[in-house]
C-alpha atoms as a PDB file:
ATOM      1  CA  MET A   1       0.000   0.000   0.000  1.00  0.00           C
ATOM      2  CA  SER A   2       1.632   3.188  -1.156  1.00  0.00           C
ATOM      3  CA  ALA A   3       1.667   6.464   0.745  1.00  0.00           C
ATOM      4  CA  THR A   4      -0.371   8.010  -2.085  1.00  0.00           C
ATOM      5  CA  ASP A   5      -3.178   5.499  -1.614  1.00  0.00           C
ATOM      6  CA  TRP A   6      -3.325   6.213   2.121  1.00  0.00           C
ATOM      7  CA  ASP A   7      -3.296   9.942   1.383  1.00  0.00           C
ATOM      8  CA  GLU A   8      -6.395   9.516  -0.781  1.00  0.00           C
ATOM      9  CA  ILE A   9      -8.206   7.588   1.944  1.00  0.00           C
ATOM     10  CA  VAL A  10      -7.260  10.155   4.572  1.00  0.00           C
ATOM     11  CA  GLN A  11      -8.501  13.057   2.467  1.00  0.00           C
ATOM     12  CA  GLU A  12     -11.789  11.340   1.671  1.00  0.00           C
ATOM     13  CA  HIS A  13     -12.585   9.937   5.120  1.00  0.00           C
ATOM     14  CA  ARG A  14     -11.695  12.461   7.821  1.00  0.00           C
ATOM     15  CA  PRO A  15     -11.760  12.208  10.800  1.00  0.00           C
ATOM     16  CA  ILE A  16      -9.441   9.204  10.660  1.00  0.00           C
ATOM     17  CA  LEU A  17      -6.761   7.609  12.807  1.00  0.00           C
ATOM     18  CA  LEU A  18      -3.908   6.201  10.702  1.00  0.00           C
ATOM     19  CA  LEU A  19      -1.720   3.654  12.493  1.00  0.00           C
ATOM     20  CA  LYS A  20       1.623   2.965  10.859  1.00  0.00           C
ATOM     21  CA  PRO A  21       4.132   0.553  12.448  1.00  0.00           C
ATOM     22  CA  ASP A  22       6.118   3.439  13.936  1.00  0.00           C
ATOM     23  CA  VAL A  23       3.632   6.306  14.355  1.00  0.00           C
ATOM     24  CA  LEU A  24      -0.038   7.133  14.904  1.00  0.00           C
ATOM     25  CA  VAL A  25      -1.422  10.072  12.940  1.00  0.00           C
ATOM     26  CA  PHE A  26      -4.817  11.569  13.777  1.00  0.00           C
ATOM     27  CA  TYR A  27      -6.476  13.630  11.059  1.00  0.00           C
ATOM     28  CA  PRO A  28      -9.404  15.686  12.420  1.00  0.00           C
ATOM     29  CA  THR A  29     -12.280  16.794  10.202  1.00  0.00           C
ATOM     30  CA  ALA A  30     -10.590  20.185   9.886  1.00  0.00           C
ATOM     31  CA  GLY A  31      -7.162  21.419  10.853  1.00  0.00           C
ATOM     32  CA  ASP A  32      -3.689  19.958  11.023  1.00  0.00           C
ATOM     33  CA  PRO A  33      -2.991  16.310  11.874  1.00  0.00           C
ATOM     34  CA  SER A  34      -1.273  15.329  15.112  1.00  0.00           C
ATOM     35  CA  THR A  35       1.469  12.709  15.151  1.00  0.00           C
ATOM     36  CA  GLU A  36       2.485  10.493  18.033  1.00  0.00           C
ATOM     37  CA  LYS A  37       5.215   7.863  18.120  1.00  0.00           C
ATOM     38  CA  GLN A  38       3.687   4.423  18.424  1.00  0.00           C
ATOM     39  CA  ILE A  39       5.032   2.502  21.402  1.00  0.00           C
ATOM     40  CA  LEU A  40       4.313  -1.011  22.573  1.00  0.00           C
ATOM     41  CA  SER A  41       4.267  -0.428  26.317  1.00  0.00           C
ATOM     42  CA  ASP A  42       1.749   1.951  27.851  1.00  0.00           C
ATOM     43  CA  SER A  43       2.287   3.484  31.289  1.00  0.00           C
ATOM     44  CA  LYS A  44       2.784   0.679  33.822  1.00  0.00           C
ATOM     45  CA  THR A  45       1.055   2.674  36.565  1.00  0.00           C
ATOM     46  CA  PHE A  46      -1.981   3.274  34.374  1.00  0.00           C
ATOM     47  CA  PHE A  47      -1.944  -0.355  33.297  1.00  0.00           C
ATOM     48  CA  VAL A  48      -2.008  -1.735  36.851  1.00  0.00           C
ATOM     49  CA  ASN A  49      -4.767   0.665  37.883  1.00  0.00           C
ATOM     50  CA  ALA A  50      -6.822  -0.142  34.793  1.00  0.00           C
ATOM     51  CA  VAL A  51      -6.476  -3.911  35.277  1.00  0.00           C
ATOM     52  CA  ALA A  52      -7.538  -3.624  38.901  1.00  0.00           C
ATOM     53  CA  HIS A  53     -10.553  -1.515  37.952  1.00  0.00           C
ATOM     54  CA  GLU A  54     -11.575  -3.764  35.058  1.00  0.00           C
ATOM     55  CA  LEU A  55     -11.461  -6.951  37.144  1.00  0.00           C
ATOM     56  CA  PHE A  56     -12.932  -5.429  40.301  1.00  0.00           C
ATOM     57  CA  SER A  57     -16.375  -4.844  38.777  1.00  0.00           C
ATOM     58  CA  PRO A  58     -17.183  -8.449  37.732  1.00  0.00           C
ATOM     59  CA  LEU A  59     -15.501  -9.832  40.859  1.00  0.00           C
ATOM     60  CA  SER A  60     -17.695  -7.659  43.096  1.00  0.00           C
ATOM     61  CA  ALA A  61     -20.761  -8.757  41.142  1.00  0.00           C
ATOM     62  CA  VAL A  62     -19.859 -12.435  41.576  1.00  0.00           C
ATOM     63  CA  MET A  63     -19.359 -12.014  45.321  1.00  0.00           C
ATOM     64  CA  GLY A  64     -22.764 -10.344  45.683  1.00  0.00           C
ATOM     65  CA  LEU A  65     -24.503 -12.994  43.586  1.00  0.00           C
ATOM     66  CA  LEU A  66     -22.784 -15.735  45.567  1.00  0.00           C
ATOM     67  CA  GLU A  67     -24.254 -14.375  48.798  1.00  0.00           C
ATOM     68  CA  LEU A  68     -27.726 -14.362  47.242  1.00  0.00           C
ATOM     69  CA  ALA A  69     -27.270 -17.934  46.006  1.00  0.00           C
ATOM     70  CA  LYS A  70     -26.164 -19.078  49.469  1.00  0.00           C
ATOM     71  CA  GLU A  71     -29.395 -17.658  50.864  1.00  0.00           C
ATOM     72  CA  GLY A  72     -31.385 -19.677  48.320  1.00  0.00           C
ATOM     73  CA  ASP A  73     -32.629 -16.619  46.420  1.00  0.00           C
ATOM     74  CA  ARG A  74     -33.127 -17.430  42.701  1.00  0.00           C
ATOM     75  CA  VAL A  75     -30.164 -19.810  42.732  1.00  0.00           C
ATOM     76  CA  GLN A  76     -30.230 -20.937  39.089  1.00  0.00           C
ATOM     77  CA  GLU A  77     -30.609 -17.391  37.762  1.00  0.00           C
ATOM     78  CA  ASN A  78     -27.784 -16.101  39.948  1.00  0.00           C
ATOM     79  CA  LEU A  79     -25.502 -18.993  38.986  1.00  0.00           C
ATOM     80  CA  LEU A  80     -25.959 -18.095  35.312  1.00  0.00           C
ATOM     81  CA  LYS A  81     -25.139 -14.451  36.058  1.00  0.00           C
ATOM     82  CA  MET A  82     -22.018 -15.519  37.968  1.00  0.00           C
ATOM     83  CA  GLU A  83     -20.977 -17.651  35.007  1.00  0.00           C
ATOM     84  CA  ARG A  84     -21.240 -14.651  32.662  1.00  0.00           C
ATOM     85  CA  HIS A  85     -19.148 -12.469  34.981  1.00  0.00           C
ATOM     86  CA  LEU A  86     -16.513 -15.194  35.392  1.00  0.00           C
ATOM     87  CA  ASN A  87     -16.368 -15.696  31.622  1.00  0.00           C
ATOM     88  CA  ARG A  88     -15.777 -11.964  31.252  1.00  0.00           C
ATOM     89  CA  MET A  89     -12.905 -12.110  33.745  1.00  0.00           C
ATOM     90  CA  GLN A  90     -11.443 -15.087  31.899  1.00  0.00           C
ATOM     91  CA  ARG A  91     -11.552 -13.205  28.551  1.00  0.00           C
ATOM     92  CA  ILE A  92      -9.864 -10.182  30.122  1.00  0.00           C
ATOM     93  CA  LEU A  93      -7.069 -12.321  31.588  1.00  0.00           C
ATOM     94  CA  GLU A  94      -6.591 -14.235  28.317  1.00  0.00           C
ATOM     95  CA  GLN A  95      -6.232 -10.959  26.422  1.00  0.00           C
ATOM     96  CA  LEU A  96      -3.799  -9.576  28.998  1.00  0.00           C
ATOM     97  CA  ILE A  97      -1.649 -12.701  28.651  1.00  0.00           C
ATOM     98  CA  LEU A  98      -1.740 -12.310  24.870  1.00  0.00           C
ATOM     99  CA  LEU A  99      -0.704  -8.645  25.112  1.00  0.00           C
ATOM    100  CA  SER A 100       2.164  -9.586  27.406  1.00  0.00           C
ATOM    101  CA  LYS A 101       3.351 -12.249  24.957  1.00  0.00           C
ATOM    102  CA  ILE A 102       3.202  -9.879  21.989  1.00  0.00           C
ATOM    103  CA  GLU A 103       5.213  -7.243  23.852  1.00  0.00           C
ATOM    104  CA  GLN A 104       8.117  -9.598  24.525  1.00  0.00           C
ATOM    105  CA  ASP A 105      11.195  -8.898  22.406  1.00  0.00           C
ATOM    106  CA  ASN A 106      11.447 -12.569  21.424  1.00  0.00           C
ATOM    107  CA  TYR A 107       7.906 -12.721  19.992  1.00  0.00           C
ATOM    108  CA  GLN A 108       8.113 -13.981  16.412  1.00  0.00           C
ATOM    109  CA  PRO A 109       4.984 -14.187  14.231  1.00  0.00           C
ATOM    110  CA  PHE A 110       4.685 -17.274  12.002  1.00  0.00           C
ATOM    111  CA  VAL A 111       4.159 -15.652   8.590  1.00  0.00           C
ATOM    112  CA  ARG A 112       3.049 -17.782   5.661  1.00  0.00           C
ATOM    113  CA  LYS A 113       0.566 -17.732   2.763  1.00  0.00           C
ATOM    114  CA  VAL A 114      -3.008 -17.628   4.034  1.00  0.00           C
ATOM    115  CA  ASN A 115      -6.336 -17.838   2.179  1.00  0.00           C
ATOM    116  CA  LEU A 116      -8.088 -14.677   3.369  1.00  0.00           C
ATOM    117  CA  GLU A 117     -11.577 -15.770   2.334  1.00  0.00           C
ATOM    118  CA  GLN A 118     -11.294 -18.996   4.294  1.00  0.00           C
ATOM    119  CA  VAL A 119     -10.026 -17.202   7.406  1.00  0.00           C
ATOM    120  CA  LEU A 120     -12.804 -14.603   7.174  1.00  0.00           C
ATOM    121  CA  GLY A 121     -15.408 -17.317   6.735  1.00  0.00           C
ATOM    122  CA  ASP A 122     -14.166 -19.168   9.817  1.00  0.00           C
ATOM    123  CA  VAL A 123     -14.232 -16.010  11.954  1.00  0.00           C
ATOM    124  CA  VAL A 124     -17.645 -14.802  10.742  1.00  0.00           C
ATOM    125  CA  HIS A 125     -19.091 -18.264  11.477  1.00  0.00           C
ATOM    126  CA  GLU A 126     -18.152 -17.784  15.145  1.00  0.00           C
ATOM    127  CA  TYR A 127     -20.539 -14.818  15.348  1.00  0.00           C
ATOM    128  CA  GLU A 128     -23.632 -16.359  13.755  1.00  0.00           C
ATOM    129  CA  GLN A 129     -25.480 -16.478  17.077  1.00  0.00           C
ATOM    130  CA  ARG A 130     -24.740 -12.839  17.869  1.00  0.00           C
ATOM    131  CA  LEU A 131     -25.821 -11.810  14.364  1.00  0.00           C
ATOM    132  CA  ALA A 132     -29.124 -13.613  14.869  1.00  0.00           C
ATOM    133  CA  GLN A 133     -29.668 -12.186  18.351  1.00  0.00           C
ATOM    134  CA  LYS A 134     -29.350  -8.596  17.106  1.00  0.00           C
ATOM    135  CA  ALA A 135     -30.916  -9.294  13.685  1.00  0.00           C
ATOM    136  CA  ILE A 136     -27.816  -7.826  12.019  1.00  0.00           C
ATOM    137  CA  SER A 137     -27.263  -8.433   8.322  1.00  0.00           C
ATOM    138  CA  LEU A 138     -23.643  -9.096   7.355  1.00  0.00           C
ATOM    139  CA  ALA A 139     -22.425  -8.804   3.771  1.00  0.00           C
ATOM    140  CA  LEU A 140     -19.161 -10.640   3.141  1.00  0.00           C
ATOM    141  CA  ASP A 141     -17.850  -9.986  -0.359  1.00  0.00           C
ATOM    142  CA  LYS A 142     -15.702 -12.485  -2.228  1.00  0.00           C
ATOM    143  CA  VAL A 143     -12.092 -11.972  -1.159  1.00  0.00           C
ATOM    144  CA  ASN A 144     -10.547 -15.084  -2.659  1.00  0.00           C
ATOM    145  CA  VAL A 145      -6.896 -14.004  -2.398  1.00  0.00           C
ATOM    146  CA  MET A 146      -3.780 -15.343  -0.750  1.00  0.00           C
ATOM    147  CA  ILE A 147      -1.944 -13.002   1.603  1.00  0.00           C
ATOM    148  CA  LYS A 148       1.174 -13.243   3.767  1.00  0.00           C
ATOM    149  CA  ALA A 149       0.211 -13.348   7.445  1.00  0.00           C
ATOM    150  CA  ASP A 150       0.414 -15.192  10.726  1.00  0.00           C
ATOM    151  CA  GLU A 151      -2.939 -16.997  10.522  1.00  0.00           C
ATOM    152  CA  GLU A 152      -3.584 -17.156  14.276  1.00  0.00           C
ATOM    153  CA  ALA A 153      -2.603 -13.525  14.778  1.00  0.00           C
ATOM    154  CA  LEU A 154      -4.787 -12.522  11.813  1.00  0.00           C
ATOM    155  CA  LYS A 155      -7.762 -14.373  13.314  1.00  0.00           C
ATOM    156  CA  ILE A 156      -7.308 -12.522  16.606  1.00  0.00           C
ATOM    157  CA  VAL A 157      -7.266  -9.199  14.723  1.00  0.00           C
ATOM    158  CA  LEU A 158     -10.375 -10.072  12.700  1.00  0.00           C
ATOM    159  CA  ARG A 159     -12.250 -11.387  15.747  1.00  0.00           C
ATOM    160  CA  ASN A 160     -11.705  -8.129  17.583  1.00  0.00           C
ATOM    161  CA  LEU A 161     -12.646  -5.931  14.619  1.00  0.00           C
ATOM    162  CA  ILE A 162     -15.750  -7.929  13.668  1.00  0.00           C
ATOM    163  CA  SER A 163     -16.813  -8.279  17.298  1.00  0.00           C
ATOM    164  CA  ASN A 164     -16.629  -4.486  17.688  1.00  0.00           C
ATOM    165  CA  ALA A 165     -18.650  -3.951  14.511  1.00  0.00           C
ATOM    166  CA  LEU A 166     -21.411  -6.205  15.843  1.00  0.00           C
ATOM    167  CA  LYS A 167     -21.269  -4.960  19.433  1.00  0.00           C
ATOM    168  CA  TYR A 168     -21.675  -1.305  18.505  1.00  0.00           C
ATOM    169  CA  SER A 169     -24.200  -1.854  15.721  1.00  0.00           C
ATOM    170  CA  LYS A 170     -27.831  -1.026  16.392  1.00  0.00           C
ATOM    171  CA  ARG A 171     -30.413  -3.786  16.338  1.00  0.00           C
ATOM    172  CA  ALA A 172     -31.248  -4.835  12.754  1.00  0.00           C
ATOM    173  CA  GLY A 173     -28.170  -2.949  11.579  1.00  0.00           C
ATOM    174  CA  HIS A 174     -25.821  -3.785   8.715  1.00  0.00           C
ATOM    175  CA  VAL A 175     -22.135  -4.761   8.639  1.00  0.00           C
ATOM    176  CA  GLU A 176     -20.080  -5.017   5.462  1.00  0.00           C
ATOM    177  CA  ILE A 177     -16.724  -6.732   4.900  1.00  0.00           C
ATOM    178  CA  LYS A 178     -15.113  -6.234   1.521  1.00  0.00           C
ATOM    179  CA  ARG A 179     -11.816  -5.905  -0.267  1.00  0.00           C
ATOM    180  CA  THR A 180     -10.912  -2.611  -1.938  1.00  0.00           C
ATOM    181  CA  GLY A 181      -7.613  -2.901  -3.797  1.00  0.00           C
ATOM    182  CA  ASP A 182      -5.033  -4.054  -1.256  1.00  0.00           C
ATOM    183  CA  LEU A 183      -7.236  -3.107   1.698  1.00  0.00           C
ATOM    184  CA  LEU A 184      -9.756  -5.086   3.694  1.00  0.00           C
ATOM    185  CA  CYS A 185     -12.612  -2.839   4.864  1.00  0.00           C
ATOM    186  CA  ILE A 186     -14.901  -3.664   7.794  1.00  0.00           C
ATOM    187  CA  ARG A 187     -17.766  -1.169   8.012  1.00  0.00           C
ATOM    188  CA  ASP A 188     -20.703  -0.845  10.376  1.00  0.00           C
ATOM    189  CA  GLU A 189     -23.520   1.677  10.697  1.00  0.00           C
ATOM    190  CA  GLY A 190     -23.478   1.742  14.477  1.00  0.00           C
ATOM    191  CA  LEU A 191     -22.853   4.194  17.287  1.00  0.00           C
ATOM    192  CA  GLY A 192     -19.585   5.550  15.929  1.00  0.00           C
ATOM    193  CA  ILE A 193     -16.841   7.274  17.939  1.00  0.00           C
ATOM    194  CA  PRO A 194     -16.838  10.949  18.969  1.00  0.00           C
ATOM    195  CA  GLU A 195     -14.199  12.767  16.913  1.00  0.00           C
ATOM    196  CA  GLN A 196     -12.293  14.079  19.931  1.00  0.00           C
ATOM    197  CA  GLU A 197     -11.975  10.526  21.282  1.00  0.00           C
ATOM    198  CA  LEU A 198     -11.029   8.703  18.078  1.00  0.00           C
ATOM    199  CA  LYS A 199      -7.295   9.264  18.538  1.00  0.00           C
ATOM    200  CA  ASN A 200      -7.377   7.432  21.903  1.00  0.00           C
ATOM    201  CA  VAL A 201      -9.364   4.297  21.067  1.00  0.00           C
ATOM    202  CA  THR A 202      -6.340   1.993  20.655  1.00  0.00           C
ATOM    203  CA  ALA A 203      -5.015   2.688  24.165  1.00  0.00           C
ATOM    204  CA  ARG A 204      -5.431  -0.113  26.692  1.00  0.00           C
ATOM    205  CA  PHE A 205      -8.809  -0.029  28.451  1.00  0.00           C
ATOM    206  CA  TYR A 206      -9.858   3.203  26.737  1.00  0.00           C
ATOM    207  CA  ARG A 207     -13.557   3.308  25.924  1.00  0.00           C
ATOM    208  CA  ALA A 208     -15.376   6.222  24.325  1.00  0.00           C
ATOM    209  CA  LYS A 209     -17.962   7.891  26.544  1.00  0.00           C
ATOM    210  CA  ASN A 210     -20.881   6.951  24.307  1.00  0.00           C
ATOM    211  CA  VAL A 211     -20.270   3.167  24.669  1.00  0.00           C
ATOM    212  CA  ARG A 212     -19.360   2.807  28.345  1.00  0.00           C
ATOM    213  CA  SER A 213     -22.790   1.391  29.146  1.00  0.00           C
ATOM    214  CA  ILE A 214     -22.055  -1.524  26.785  1.00  0.00           C
ATOM    215  CA  SER A 215     -20.077  -4.429  28.239  1.00  0.00           C
ATOM    216  CA  GLY A 216     -16.461  -4.579  27.079  1.00  0.00           C
ATOM    217  CA  SER A 217     -12.883  -4.632  28.350  1.00  0.00           C
ATOM    218  CA  GLY A 218     -11.405  -1.903  26.149  1.00  0.00           C
ATOM    219  CA  LEU A 219      -8.583  -4.273  25.163  1.00  0.00           C
ATOM    220  CA  GLY A 220      -9.661  -5.268  21.651  1.00  0.00           C
ATOM    221  CA  LEU A 221      -8.177  -2.405  19.639  1.00  0.00           C
ATOM    222  CA  ALA A 222      -5.077  -2.354  21.846  1.00  0.00           C
ATOM    223  CA  ILE A 223      -4.473  -5.987  20.906  1.00  0.00           C
ATOM    224  CA  VAL A 224      -5.094  -5.245  17.228  1.00  0.00           C
ATOM    225  CA  LYS A 225      -2.634  -2.332  17.391  1.00  0.00           C
ATOM    226  CA  HIS A 226       0.121  -4.412  18.962  1.00  0.00           C
ATOM    227  CA  ILE A 227      -0.298  -7.386  16.624  1.00  0.00           C
ATOM    228  CA  LEU A 228      -0.343  -5.255  13.468  1.00  0.00           C
ATOM    229  CA  ARG A 229       2.679  -3.299  14.613  1.00  0.00           C
ATOM    230  CA  ARG A 230       4.561  -6.560  15.140  1.00  0.00           C
ATOM    231  CA  LEU A 231       3.478  -7.663  11.652  1.00  0.00           C
ATOM    232  CA  ASN A 232       4.565  -4.277  10.203  1.00  0.00           C
ATOM    233  CA  ILE A 233       1.056  -3.588   8.858  1.00  0.00           C
ATOM    234  CA  THR A 234      -0.562  -0.164   8.447  1.00  0.00           C
ATOM    235  CA  TRP A 235      -4.265   0.281   9.204  1.00  0.00           C
ATOM    236  CA  ALA A 236      -6.777   3.044   9.866  1.00  0.00           C
ATOM    237  CA  ILE A 237     -10.035   3.784  11.693  1.00  0.00           C
ATOM    238  CA  HIS A 238     -12.590   6.229  10.299  1.00  0.00           C
ATOM    239  CA  SER A 239     -15.616   6.951  12.461  1.00  0.00           C
ATOM    240  CA  GLN A 240     -18.440   9.441  12.839  1.00  0.00           C
ATOM    241  CA  LEU A 241     -20.783   9.671  15.784  1.00  0.00           C
ATOM    242  CA  ASN A 242     -24.127   7.906  15.138  1.00  0.00           C
ATOM    243  CA  ALA A 243     -23.042   7.098  11.581  1.00  0.00           C
ATOM    244  CA  GLY A 244     -20.732   4.129  12.090  1.00  0.00           C
ATOM    245  CA  THR A 245     -17.116   3.049  11.837  1.00  0.00           C
ATOM    246  CA  THR A 246     -14.917   1.713   9.048  1.00  0.00           C
ATOM    247  CA  VAL A 247     -11.607  -0.047   9.637  1.00  0.00           C
ATOM    248  CA  TYR A 248      -9.119  -0.228   6.749  1.00  0.00           C
ATOM    249  CA  LEU A 249      -6.598  -3.057   7.032  1.00  0.00           C
ATOM    250  CA  GLU A 250      -3.582  -3.309   4.730  1.00  0.00           C
ATOM    251  CA  LEU A 251      -3.239  -6.701   3.001  1.00  0.00           C
ATOM    252  CA  VAL A 252       0.382  -7.822   2.677  1.00  0.00           C
ATOM    253  CA  GLY A 253       1.699  -9.951  -0.160  1.00  0.00           C
ATOM    254  CA  VAL A 254      -1.586 -10.250  -2.066  1.00  0.00           C
ATOM    255  CA  GLU A 255      -1.683 -12.985  -4.710  1.00  0.00           C
ATOM    256  CA  GLU A 256      -4.689 -13.323  -6.997  1.00  0.00           C
END
């Protein structure tokens, strides 16, 4: 993907956050862009505080539900609620372990030729139940190309991006996944991200104000950022409040 191609996307789709392997560039709707060096490790103090806060909420809920269950009050219902909270804690811890692994200097992605359409099909299949629950229509265009990628890392990236598109879509909304040149585009028509917050959405545990009532750890885009930096891949996020979000993902080593 040439710089000229990214320039065209940036000019057409402001506000947009462009994430290159070495820098993040935020282009507001109007005015000059701001550039920030991309680093792998966020503030350790912030990280510890954020982890404690993120795990404290479901843990407190489980403890309260456990007391109710011990008293015989709606035991089955409370057990199911406890299970959901514990599953959330497990997902958070799994993602933290993954982040830690990616940040190690000896982390080496296993890059090989991967059939993008097959990988996308596998990942989309995992979300069939959620699509049905929210009555979301998903259009997956033909993307029958081979690319160079670490298949497991790519699946983690796609899971996070597609999960976000579904999570922040309105009921009976629409999500589109298509290839445009050497880019993969994942677009939703959901809540969108406030412009002043777009530049922060890839920080660990950061969640925009308009989605904080929706369950989530705030780790998904941080994981995507770290993986794609390790794979030396450029990507971008364009979003408008109440209009939706589009993620542009560079495809490396495309073979027709």
